[in-house]
């Protein structure tokens, strides 16, 4: 479900820059920041880098093993 939200021009410009660097669309970049912020808020004892590494490891677990021919 799409929802319209008012965001500051500065925030949108920054999200576009970060999104371009990480090959994410503007909505995906904002969703990523939102997701990371939620996890960080729920786990204040964990550093951002550890949260990021955990999420990457979970993604890799979902992928099938690549076999070289």
N, C-alpha and C. Protein backbone atom coordinates (compact mmCIF):
# COMPACT_ATOMS: atom_id res chain seq x y z
N UNK A 1 0.84 -1.17 0.00
CA UNK A 1 0.00 0.00 0.00
C UNK A 1 0.89 1.24 0.00
N UNK A 2 0.67 2.11 -0.93
CA UNK A 2 1.43 3.35 -1.00
C UNK A 2 0.82 4.42 -0.12
N UNK A 3 1.69 5.21 0.51
CA UNK A 3 1.25 6.30 1.37
C UNK A 3 2.08 7.53 1.02
N UNK A 4 1.43 8.66 0.89
CA UNK A 4 2.16 9.90 0.64
C UNK A 4 2.65 10.47 1.95
N UNK A 5 3.93 10.84 1.99
CA UNK A 5 4.56 11.39 3.18
C UNK A 5 5.34 12.62 2.76
N UNK A 6 5.23 13.69 3.53
CA UNK A 6 6.00 14.90 3.23
C UNK A 6 7.37 14.77 3.88
N UNK A 7 8.39 14.94 3.07
CA UNK A 7 9.77 14.89 3.55
C UNK A 7 10.47 16.17 3.12
N UNK A 8 11.45 16.58 3.89
CA UNK A 8 12.17 17.81 3.55
C UNK A 8 12.97 17.60 2.26
N UNK A 9 13.16 18.68 1.54
CA UNK A 9 13.95 18.62 0.30
C UNK A 9 15.37 18.14 0.57
N UNK A 10 15.95 18.58 1.69
CA UNK A 10 17.32 18.17 2.03
C UNK A 10 17.41 16.67 2.27
N UNK A 11 16.42 16.14 2.99
CA UNK A 11 16.40 14.70 3.26
C UNK A 11 16.28 13.90 1.97
N UNK A 12 15.38 14.33 1.09
CA UNK A 12 15.17 13.64 -0.18
C UNK A 12 16.44 13.69 -1.03
N UNK A 13 17.09 14.85 -1.07
CA UNK A 13 18.32 14.97 -1.85
C UNK A 13 19.41 14.06 -1.31
N UNK A 14 19.52 13.98 0.01
CA UNK A 14 20.53 13.11 0.62
C UNK A 14 20.21 11.64 0.35
N UNK A 15 18.94 11.28 0.45
CA UNK A 15 18.54 9.89 0.17
C UNK A 15 18.81 9.54 -1.28
N UNK A 16 18.60 10.47 -2.20
CA UNK A 16 18.91 10.22 -3.62
C UNK A 16 20.39 9.97 -3.81
N UNK A 17 21.23 10.78 -3.13
CA UNK A 17 22.69 10.60 -3.26
C UNK A 17 23.12 9.23 -2.73
N UNK A 18 22.67 8.88 -1.54
CA UNK A 18 23.03 7.59 -0.97
C UNK A 18 22.46 6.44 -1.80
N UNK A 19 21.25 6.62 -2.28
CA UNK A 19 20.64 5.59 -3.12
C UNK A 19 21.43 5.35 -4.39
N UNK A 20 21.89 6.43 -5.01
CA UNK A 20 22.68 6.29 -6.24
C UNK A 20 23.98 5.54 -5.97
N UNK A 21 24.60 5.84 -4.85
CA UNK A 21 25.87 5.17 -4.49
C UNK A 21 25.65 3.67 -4.31
N UNK A 22 24.54 3.30 -3.68
CA UNK A 22 24.26 1.90 -3.37
C UNK A 22 23.31 1.24 -4.35
N UNK A 23 23.05 1.91 -5.48
CA UNK A 23 22.19 1.36 -6.54
C UNK A 23 20.79 1.03 -6.03
N UNK A 24 20.23 1.97 -5.23
CA UNK A 24 18.87 1.83 -4.75
C UNK A 24 18.04 2.99 -5.25
N UNK A 25 16.77 2.74 -5.51
CA UNK A 25 15.87 3.83 -5.86
C UNK A 25 15.63 4.69 -4.61
N UNK A 26 15.07 5.87 -4.80
CA UNK A 26 14.77 6.74 -3.67
C UNK A 26 13.86 6.04 -2.65
N UNK A 27 12.75 5.44 -3.08
CA UNK A 27 11.91 4.74 -2.07
C UNK A 27 12.65 3.60 -1.37
N UNK A 28 13.46 2.86 -2.12
CA UNK A 28 14.20 1.74 -1.50
C UNK A 28 15.22 2.25 -0.49
N UNK A 29 15.88 3.38 -0.80
CA UNK A 29 16.86 3.94 0.13
C UNK A 29 16.17 4.37 1.43
N UNK A 30 15.02 5.03 1.31
CA UNK A 30 14.29 5.46 2.49
C UNK A 30 13.79 4.25 3.29
N UNK A 31 13.32 3.22 2.60
CA UNK A 31 12.91 1.99 3.29
C UNK A 31 14.10 1.35 4.01
N UNK A 32 15.26 1.35 3.36
CA UNK A 32 16.46 0.78 3.97
C UNK A 32 16.81 1.53 5.26
N UNK A 33 16.84 2.87 5.18
CA UNK A 33 17.14 3.66 6.38
C UNK A 33 16.11 3.41 7.47
N UNK A 34 14.86 3.31 7.10
CA UNK A 34 13.80 3.07 8.06
C UNK A 34 13.98 1.71 8.74
N UNK A 35 14.27 0.71 7.94
CA UNK A 35 14.46 -0.65 8.46
C UNK A 35 15.66 -0.69 9.41
N UNK A 36 16.76 -0.10 9.01
CA UNK A 36 17.96 -0.09 9.84
C UNK A 36 17.73 0.69 11.13
N UNK A 37 17.02 1.81 11.03
CA UNK A 37 16.73 2.61 12.21
C UNK A 37 15.85 1.86 13.19
N UNK A 38 14.88 1.12 12.69
CA UNK A 38 13.99 0.33 13.55
C UNK A 38 14.79 -0.73 14.29
N UNK A 39 15.64 -1.43 13.57
CA UNK A 39 16.46 -2.47 14.20
C UNK A 39 17.40 -1.85 15.24
N UNK A 40 18.03 -0.72 14.89
CA UNK A 40 18.94 -0.07 15.82
C UNK A 40 18.21 0.40 17.08
N UNK A 41 17.00 0.90 16.90
CA UNK A 41 16.22 1.35 18.05
C UNK A 41 15.81 0.18 18.95
N UNK A 42 15.51 -0.95 18.35
CA UNK A 42 15.13 -2.14 19.11
C UNK A 42 16.32 -2.82 19.77
N UNK A 43 17.52 -2.55 19.27
CA UNK A 43 18.75 -3.18 19.77
C UNK A 43 19.83 -2.12 20.00
N UNK A 44 19.63 -1.23 20.97
CA UNK A 44 20.55 -0.10 21.15
C UNK A 44 21.98 -0.52 21.52
N UNK A 45 22.14 -1.74 21.99
CA UNK A 45 23.48 -2.19 22.38
C UNK A 45 24.33 -2.64 21.19
N UNK A 46 23.71 -2.82 20.03
CA UNK A 46 24.45 -3.29 18.86
C UNK A 46 24.92 -2.13 18.00
N UNK A 47 26.18 -2.14 17.57
CA UNK A 47 26.64 -1.10 16.65
C UNK A 47 26.04 -1.31 15.25
N UNK A 48 25.92 -0.21 14.51
CA UNK A 48 25.33 -0.26 13.18
C UNK A 48 26.03 -1.29 12.29
N UNK A 49 27.35 -1.33 12.35
CA UNK A 49 28.10 -2.25 11.48
C UNK A 49 27.73 -3.70 11.76
N UNK A 50 27.48 -4.05 13.01
CA UNK A 50 27.09 -5.42 13.34
C UNK A 50 25.69 -5.73 12.82
N UNK A 51 24.78 -4.78 12.97
CA UNK A 51 23.42 -4.96 12.44
C UNK A 51 23.49 -5.21 10.94
N UNK A 52 24.27 -4.40 10.25
CA UNK A 52 24.41 -4.53 8.80
C UNK A 52 25.00 -5.90 8.43
N UNK A 53 26.02 -6.33 9.14
CA UNK A 53 26.64 -7.63 8.87
C UNK A 53 25.66 -8.79 9.11
N UNK A 54 24.84 -8.69 10.15
CA UNK A 54 23.86 -9.72 10.44
C UNK A 54 22.84 -9.82 9.30
N UNK A 55 22.37 -8.67 8.82
CA UNK A 55 21.39 -8.67 7.74
C UNK A 55 21.99 -9.23 6.44
N UNK A 56 23.23 -8.90 6.17
CA UNK A 56 23.90 -9.43 4.97
C UNK A 56 24.04 -10.94 5.09
N UNK A 57 24.43 -11.43 6.26
CA UNK A 57 24.58 -12.87 6.47
C UNK A 57 23.25 -13.59 6.29
N UNK A 58 22.17 -13.00 6.76
CA UNK A 58 20.84 -13.61 6.59
C UNK A 58 20.46 -13.69 5.12
N UNK A 59 20.79 -12.65 4.36
CA UNK A 59 20.51 -12.66 2.93
C UNK A 59 21.29 -13.76 2.23
N UNK A 60 22.55 -13.93 2.63
CA UNK A 60 23.38 -14.94 2.01
C UNK A 60 22.88 -16.34 2.32
N UNK A 61 22.30 -16.54 3.51
CA UNK A 61 21.75 -17.85 3.87
C UNK A 61 20.59 -18.23 2.97
N UNK A 62 19.83 -17.23 2.52
CA UNK A 62 18.67 -17.46 1.67
C UNK A 62 19.05 -17.81 0.23
N UNK A 63 20.28 -17.53 -0.15
CA UNK A 63 20.73 -17.80 -1.52
C UNK A 63 21.20 -19.24 -1.63
N UNK A 64 20.99 -19.79 -2.81
CA UNK A 64 21.49 -21.14 -3.06
C UNK A 64 23.00 -21.08 -3.23
N UNK A 65 23.64 -22.17 -2.88
CA UNK A 65 25.09 -22.26 -3.03
C UNK A 65 25.45 -22.24 -4.50
N UNK A 66 26.45 -21.44 -4.85
CA UNK A 66 26.91 -21.36 -6.23
C UNK A 66 27.96 -22.42 -6.45
N UNK A 67 27.78 -23.21 -7.50
CA UNK A 67 28.72 -24.28 -7.81
C UNK A 67 29.47 -23.91 -9.08
N UNK A 68 30.80 -23.94 -8.99
CA UNK A 68 31.63 -23.67 -10.16
C UNK A 68 31.70 -24.91 -11.02
N UNK A 69 31.57 -24.74 -12.32
CA UNK A 69 31.67 -25.87 -13.25
C UNK A 69 33.10 -26.13 -13.63
